[in-house]
Amino acid sequence: MQRLLNKVGGIVLVVLLAGCDGGSPPAEEALSEEERLLQLGQRRSRSCMGCHGPGGVSRVASYPDLAGLSKETLVTELKAFRSGERNDPMMVSVARNLDDEAIRALAIYYAAQPAPEPR
């Protein structure tokens, strides 16, 4: 009897796990360009967390919040750092490695995040 229960339990577990997709993102073909860039921006934002905090809400007063800023502002500022028009050693070194698509993706991601409460 115990063997039968173990076997049935194993089958139930397999069936339940088969229904879980582990939170994997939808197939790229099913995403709109905006959704694809949002996901890319979320992935790229991991390298920004050290200074600008999770979701673009900084925990350090000297680093600006990025969450809730407009896409246009974010694109303009990142391109200014990339070109050297704005000079901050850390941001210039980061932005230098961003192509236009990565900049757009980060701008879309941070613009979609809720702006933090005033401190």
N, C-alpha and C. Protein backbone atom coordinates (compact mmCIF):
# COMPACT_ATOMS: atom_id res chain seq x y z
N MET A 1 0.83 -1.20 0.00
CA MET A 1 0.00 0.00 0.00
C MET A 1 0.88 1.27 0.00
N GLN A 2 1.92 1.26 0.85
CA GLN A 2 2.82 2.41 0.93
C GLN A 2 3.50 2.66 -0.42
N ARG A 3 3.89 1.58 -1.12
CA ARG A 3 4.51 1.72 -2.44
C ARG A 3 3.57 2.41 -3.42
N LEU A 4 2.30 2.02 -3.37
CA LEU A 4 1.30 2.62 -4.26
C LEU A 4 1.14 4.10 -3.94
N LEU A 5 1.07 4.46 -2.66
CA LEU A 5 0.94 5.87 -2.27
C LEU A 5 2.17 6.67 -2.71
N ASN A 6 3.37 6.11 -2.56
CA ASN A 6 4.58 6.80 -3.02
C ASN A 6 4.54 7.03 -4.52
N LYS A 7 4.09 6.01 -5.24
CA LYS A 7 4.03 6.12 -6.71
C LYS A 7 3.01 7.18 -7.12
N VAL A 8 1.83 7.16 -6.50
CA VAL A 8 0.78 8.15 -6.81
C VAL A 8 1.26 9.55 -6.44
N GLY A 9 1.90 9.69 -5.28
CA GLY A 9 2.42 10.99 -4.86
C GLY A 9 3.44 11.52 -5.84
N GLY A 10 4.30 10.64 -6.34
CA GLY A 10 5.30 11.05 -7.33
C GLY A 10 4.67 11.51 -8.61
N ILE A 11 3.62 10.82 -9.04
CA ILE A 11 2.91 11.20 -10.27
C ILE A 11 2.25 12.56 -10.09
N VAL A 12 1.61 12.77 -8.95
CA VAL A 12 0.96 14.06 -8.67
C VAL A 12 2.00 15.16 -8.68
N LEU A 13 3.14 14.94 -8.07
CA LEU A 13 4.20 15.94 -8.05
C LEU A 13 4.67 16.27 -9.46
N VAL A 14 4.86 15.26 -10.29
CA VAL A 14 5.29 15.49 -11.67
C VAL A 14 4.25 16.30 -12.43
N VAL A 15 2.99 15.99 -12.25
CA VAL A 15 1.91 16.71 -12.93
C VAL A 15 1.88 18.16 -12.46
N LEU A 16 2.01 18.38 -11.16
CA LEU A 16 2.01 19.75 -10.64
C LEU A 16 3.19 20.55 -11.16
N LEU A 17 4.37 19.93 -11.15
CA LEU A 17 5.56 20.64 -11.64
C LEU A 17 5.49 20.92 -13.13
N ALA A 18 4.85 20.05 -13.88
CA ALA A 18 4.73 20.26 -15.32
C ALA A 18 3.92 21.51 -15.63
N GLY A 19 3.00 21.84 -14.73
CA GLY A 19 2.17 23.03 -14.94
C GLY A 19 2.87 24.32 -14.57
N CYS A 20 4.01 24.23 -13.89
CA CYS A 20 4.76 25.41 -13.48
C CYS A 20 5.79 25.74 -14.54
N ASP A 21 5.85 27.00 -14.92
CA ASP A 21 6.86 27.37 -15.91
C ASP A 21 8.05 28.04 -15.26
N GLY A 22 8.04 28.11 -13.94
CA GLY A 22 9.18 28.70 -13.24
C GLY A 22 9.30 30.20 -13.46
N GLY A 23 8.26 30.83 -13.94
CA GLY A 23 8.30 32.26 -14.15
C GLY A 23 9.13 32.68 -15.34
N SER A 24 9.37 31.78 -16.24
CA SER A 24 10.18 32.13 -17.40
C SER A 24 9.42 33.13 -18.26
N PRO A 25 10.15 34.04 -18.90
CA PRO A 25 9.50 35.06 -19.71
C PRO A 25 8.85 34.44 -20.95
N PRO A 26 7.83 35.12 -21.48
CA PRO A 26 7.20 34.62 -22.69
C PRO A 26 8.19 34.57 -23.84
N ALA A 27 7.89 33.78 -24.82
CA ALA A 27 8.75 33.68 -25.99
C ALA A 27 8.95 35.06 -26.60
N GLU A 28 10.17 35.35 -27.03
CA GLU A 28 10.49 36.67 -27.59
C GLU A 28 9.53 37.08 -28.70
N GLU A 29 9.09 36.08 -29.52
CA GLU A 29 8.21 36.42 -30.63
C GLU A 29 6.88 36.97 -30.15
N ALA A 30 6.45 36.59 -28.94
CA ALA A 30 5.15 37.01 -28.44
C ALA A 30 5.20 38.40 -27.81
N LEU A 31 6.37 38.96 -27.62
CA LEU A 31 6.51 40.25 -26.96
C LEU A 31 6.49 41.39 -27.97
N SER A 32 5.89 42.50 -27.55
CA SER A 32 5.99 43.71 -28.36
C SER A 32 7.40 44.26 -28.19
N GLU A 33 7.79 45.19 -29.02
CA GLU A 33 9.11 45.81 -28.93
C GLU A 33 9.27 46.49 -27.57
N GLU A 34 8.25 47.16 -27.11
CA GLU A 34 8.29 47.85 -25.80
C GLU A 34 8.47 46.84 -24.66
N GLU A 35 7.76 45.72 -24.71
CA GLU A 35 7.89 44.68 -23.68
C GLU A 35 9.28 44.06 -23.70
N ARG A 36 9.81 43.83 -24.90
CA ARG A 36 11.14 43.25 -25.02
C ARG A 36 12.19 44.20 -24.43
N LEU A 37 12.05 45.49 -24.74
CA LEU A 37 12.99 46.46 -24.20
C LEU A 37 12.83 46.62 -22.69
N LEU A 38 11.61 46.52 -22.19
CA LEU A 38 11.37 46.58 -20.75
C LEU A 38 12.11 45.44 -20.04
N GLN A 39 12.00 44.23 -20.59
CA GLN A 39 12.71 43.08 -20.01
C GLN A 39 14.22 43.26 -20.10
N LEU A 40 14.69 43.73 -21.23
CA LEU A 40 16.12 43.98 -21.39
C LEU A 40 16.58 45.04 -20.38
N GLY A 41 15.80 46.08 -20.23
CA GLY A 41 16.14 47.13 -19.28
C GLY A 41 16.19 46.61 -17.85
N GLN A 42 15.27 45.74 -17.52
CA GLN A 42 15.28 45.16 -16.17
C GLN A 42 16.56 44.36 -15.96
N ARG A 43 16.94 43.57 -16.96
CA ARG A 43 18.18 42.79 -16.83
C ARG A 43 19.40 43.71 -16.74
N ARG A 44 19.45 44.73 -17.59
CA ARG A 44 20.60 45.64 -17.60
C ARG A 44 20.66 46.48 -16.33
N SER A 45 19.53 46.71 -15.69
CA SER A 45 19.49 47.57 -14.49
C SER A 45 20.22 46.94 -13.31
N ARG A 46 20.48 45.64 -13.37
CA ARG A 46 21.19 44.99 -12.26
C ARG A 46 22.54 45.64 -12.00
N SER A 47 23.18 46.11 -13.05
CA SER A 47 24.49 46.73 -12.87
C SER A 47 24.37 48.16 -12.32
N CYS A 48 23.17 48.69 -12.27
CA CYS A 48 22.95 50.05 -11.76
C CYS A 48 22.57 50.05 -10.27
N MET A 49 22.17 48.88 -9.77
CA MET A 49 21.64 48.79 -8.41
C MET A 49 22.62 49.24 -7.33
N GLY A 50 23.90 49.00 -7.53
CA GLY A 50 24.87 49.35 -6.50
C GLY A 50 24.79 50.82 -6.10
N CYS A 51 24.56 51.69 -7.03
CA CYS A 51 24.48 53.13 -6.75
C CYS A 51 23.03 53.63 -6.71
N HIS A 52 22.23 53.20 -7.68
CA HIS A 52 20.89 53.76 -7.83
C HIS A 52 19.80 52.95 -7.16
N GLY A 53 20.17 51.84 -6.52
CA GLY A 53 19.24 51.04 -5.73
C GLY A 53 18.33 50.17 -6.57
N PRO A 54 17.67 49.20 -5.90
CA PRO A 54 16.72 48.32 -6.59
C PRO A 54 15.56 49.13 -7.17
N GLY A 55 15.24 48.86 -8.42
CA GLY A 55 14.14 49.57 -9.07
C GLY A 55 14.42 51.04 -9.31
N GLY A 56 15.67 51.45 -9.13
CA GLY A 56 16.03 52.85 -9.37
C GLY A 56 15.75 53.78 -8.20
N VAL A 57 15.53 53.22 -7.01
CA VAL A 57 15.32 54.04 -5.82
C VAL A 57 16.59 53.93 -4.96
N SER A 58 17.36 55.00 -4.98
CA SER A 58 18.66 55.01 -4.31
C SER A 58 18.51 55.00 -2.80
N ARG A 59 19.45 54.33 -2.18
CA ARG A 59 19.50 54.32 -0.71
C ARG A 59 20.53 55.32 -0.20
N VAL A 60 21.22 55.96 -1.13
CA VAL A 60 22.28 56.91 -0.79
C VAL A 60 21.90 58.27 -1.38
N ALA A 61 21.88 59.28 -0.53
CA ALA A 61 21.42 60.61 -0.96
C ALA A 61 22.24 61.20 -2.11
N SER A 62 23.51 60.85 -2.20
CA SER A 62 24.34 61.45 -3.25
C SER A 62 24.12 60.82 -4.63
N TYR A 63 23.40 59.69 -4.70
CA TYR A 63 23.08 59.06 -5.98
C TYR A 63 21.62 59.30 -6.29
N PRO A 64 21.31 59.84 -7.46
CA PRO A 64 19.90 60.18 -7.77
C PRO A 64 19.03 58.95 -7.99
N ASP A 65 17.76 59.12 -7.64
CA ASP A 65 16.76 58.11 -7.98
C ASP A 65 16.53 58.17 -9.48
N LEU A 66 16.35 57.01 -10.09
CA LEU A 66 16.04 56.93 -11.52
C LEU A 66 14.57 56.57 -11.75
N ALA A 67 13.96 55.92 -10.78
CA ALA A 67 12.58 55.46 -10.91
C ALA A 67 11.64 56.63 -11.15
N GLY A 68 10.80 56.46 -12.15
CA GLY A 68 9.78 57.45 -12.45
C GLY A 68 10.23 58.63 -13.29
N LEU A 69 11.51 58.71 -13.61
CA LEU A 69 11.95 59.78 -14.51
C LEU A 69 11.42 59.49 -15.91
N SER A 70 11.30 60.51 -16.73
CA SER A 70 10.79 60.30 -18.08
C SER A 70 11.83 59.57 -18.93
N LYS A 71 11.32 58.84 -19.92
CA LYS A 71 12.22 58.14 -20.86
C LYS A 71 13.15 59.14 -21.53
N GLU A 72 12.60 60.28 -21.92
CA GLU A 72 13.38 61.27 -22.64
C GLU A 72 14.54 61.78 -21.79
N THR A 73 14.27 62.06 -20.53
CA THR A 73 15.32 62.54 -19.62
C THR A 73 16.40 61.49 -19.46
N LEU A 74 16.00 60.26 -19.24
CA LEU A 74 16.96 59.18 -19.04
C LEU A 74 17.83 58.96 -20.28
N VAL A 75 17.21 58.95 -21.44
CA VAL A 75 17.98 58.78 -22.69
C VAL A 75 18.96 59.93 -22.86
N THR A 76 18.50 61.16 -22.67
CA THR A 76 19.35 62.34 -22.84
C THR A 76 20.54 62.29 -21.89
N GLU A 77 20.29 61.97 -20.64
CA GLU A 77 21.37 61.95 -19.65
C GLU A 77 22.37 60.82 -19.91
N LEU A 78 21.87 59.62 -20.23
CA LEU A 78 22.79 58.52 -20.51
C LEU A 78 23.65 58.79 -21.74
N LYS A 79 23.04 59.37 -22.76
CA LYS A 79 23.82 59.70 -23.96
C LYS A 79 24.84 60.80 -23.67
N ALA A 80 24.49 61.74 -22.79
CA ALA A 80 25.44 62.80 -22.43
C ALA A 80 26.63 62.21 -21.66
N PHE A 81 26.37 61.24 -20.79
CA PHE A 81 27.48 60.57 -20.10
C PHE A 81 28.32 59.77 -21.09
N ARG A 82 27.64 59.09 -22.01
CA ARG A 82 28.36 58.26 -22.98
C ARG A 82 29.28 59.11 -23.86
N SER A 83 28.80 60.27 -24.28
CA SER A 83 29.60 61.12 -25.16
C SER A 83 30.67 61.92 -24.41
N GLY A 84 30.54 61.99 -23.09
CA GLY A 84 31.47 62.79 -22.31
C GLY A 84 30.98 64.21 -22.09
N GLU A 85 29.82 64.55 -22.66
CA GLU A 85 29.24 65.88 -22.46
C GLU A 85 29.01 66.14 -20.97
N ARG A 86 28.55 65.11 -20.27
CA ARG A 86 28.46 65.16 -18.79
C ARG A 86 29.62 64.35 -18.27
N ASN A 87 30.26 64.87 -17.23
CA ASN A 87 31.47 64.22 -16.76
C ASN A 87 31.32 63.76 -15.31
N ASP A 88 31.13 62.49 -15.15
CA ASP A 88 31.19 61.83 -13.85
C ASP A 88 31.95 60.53 -14.13
N PRO A 89 33.10 60.34 -13.50
CA PRO A 89 33.94 59.19 -13.85
C PRO A 89 33.20 57.85 -13.84
N MET A 90 32.38 57.61 -12.84
CA MET A 90 31.67 56.33 -12.76
C MET A 90 30.65 56.21 -13.89
N MET A 91 29.83 57.23 -14.08
CA MET A 91 28.79 57.17 -15.10
C MET A 91 29.36 57.14 -16.51
N VAL A 92 30.44 57.86 -16.75
CA VAL A 92 31.06 57.84 -18.07
C VAL A 92 31.56 56.43 -18.38
N SER A 93 32.19 55.79 -17.38
CA SER A 93 32.70 54.43 -17.63
C SER A 93 31.57 53.43 -17.85
N VAL A 94 30.44 53.63 -17.19
CA VAL A 94 29.29 52.73 -17.39
C VAL A 94 28.62 53.01 -18.73
N ALA A 95 28.32 54.28 -18.99
CA ALA A 95 27.58 54.66 -20.20
C ALA A 95 28.37 54.40 -21.47
N ARG A 96 29.67 54.45 -21.39
CA ARG A 96 30.52 54.19 -22.55
C ARG A 96 30.24 52.81 -23.15
N ASN A 97 29.79 51.88 -22.31
CA ASN A 97 29.54 50.51 -22.75
C ASN A 97 28.09 50.25 -23.14
N LEU A 98 27.27 51.28 -23.21
CA LEU A 98 25.86 51.12 -23.56
C LEU A 98 25.62 51.54 -25.01
N ASP A 99 25.00 50.66 -25.78
CA ASP A 99 24.60 51.06 -27.13
C ASP A 99 23.22 51.72 -27.04
N ASP A 100 22.73 52.22 -28.17
CA ASP A 100 21.45 52.94 -28.17
C ASP A 100 20.30 52.06 -27.66
N GLU A 101 20.31 50.78 -28.03
CA GLU A 101 19.23 49.89 -27.59
C GLU A 101 19.26 49.71 -26.07
N ALA A 102 20.43 49.54 -25.49
CA ALA A 102 20.54 49.39 -24.04
C ALA A 102 20.09 50.66 -23.33
N ILE A 103 20.42 51.80 -23.88
CA ILE A 103 19.99 53.07 -23.29
C ILE A 103 18.47 53.18 -23.35
N ARG A 104 17.89 52.87 -24.49
CA ARG A 104 16.41 52.91 -24.60
C ARG A 104 15.77 51.92 -23.63
N ALA A 105 16.36 50.74 -23.51
CA ALA A 105 15.81 49.71 -22.62
C ALA A 105 15.86 50.17 -21.17
N LEU A 106 16.97 50.73 -20.75
CA LEU A 106 17.07 51.23 -19.38
C LEU A 106 16.09 52.37 -19.14
N ALA A 107 15.95 53.25 -20.12
CA ALA A 107 15.02 54.37 -19.98
C ALA A 107 13.58 53.88 -19.85
N ILE A 108 13.20 52.90 -20.65
CA ILE A 108 11.85 52.35 -20.57
C ILE A 108 11.63 51.68 -19.22
N TYR A 109 12.62 50.92 -18.76
CA TYR A 109 12.48 50.23 -17.48
C TYR A 109 12.33 51.22 -16.33
N TYR A 110 13.25 52.18 -16.22
CA TYR A 110 13.20 53.11 -15.09
C TYR A 110 11.98 54.03 -15.16
N ALA A 111 11.58 54.42 -16.34
CA ALA A 111 10.38 55.27 -16.47
C ALA A 111 9.12 54.52 -16.02
N ALA A 112 9.13 53.20 -16.14
CA ALA A 112 7.97 52.40 -15.75
C ALA A 112 7.92 52.12 -14.25
N GLN A 113 8.99 52.42 -13.54
CA GLN A 113 9.02 52.16 -12.10
C GLN A 113 8.33 53.32 -11.36
N PRO A 114 7.66 53.01 -10.26
CA PRO A 114 7.00 54.09 -9.51
C PRO A 114 8.04 55.02 -8.88
N ALA A 115 7.78 56.31 -9.00
CA ALA A 115 8.68 57.29 -8.39
C ALA A 115 8.65 57.13 -6.87
N PRO A 116 9.78 57.31 -6.23
CA PRO A 116 9.81 57.15 -4.77
C PRO A 116 9.08 58.30 -4.08
N GLU A 117 8.68 58.03 -2.85
CA GLU A 117 8.08 59.07 -2.03
C GLU A 117 9.14 60.13 -1.73
N PRO A 118 8.73 61.39 -1.66
CA PRO A 118 9.71 62.45 -1.30
C PRO A 118 10.30 62.15 0.08
N ARG A 119 11.59 62.43 0.21
CA ARG A 119 12.27 62.17 1.51
C ARG A 119 12.48 63.43 2.28
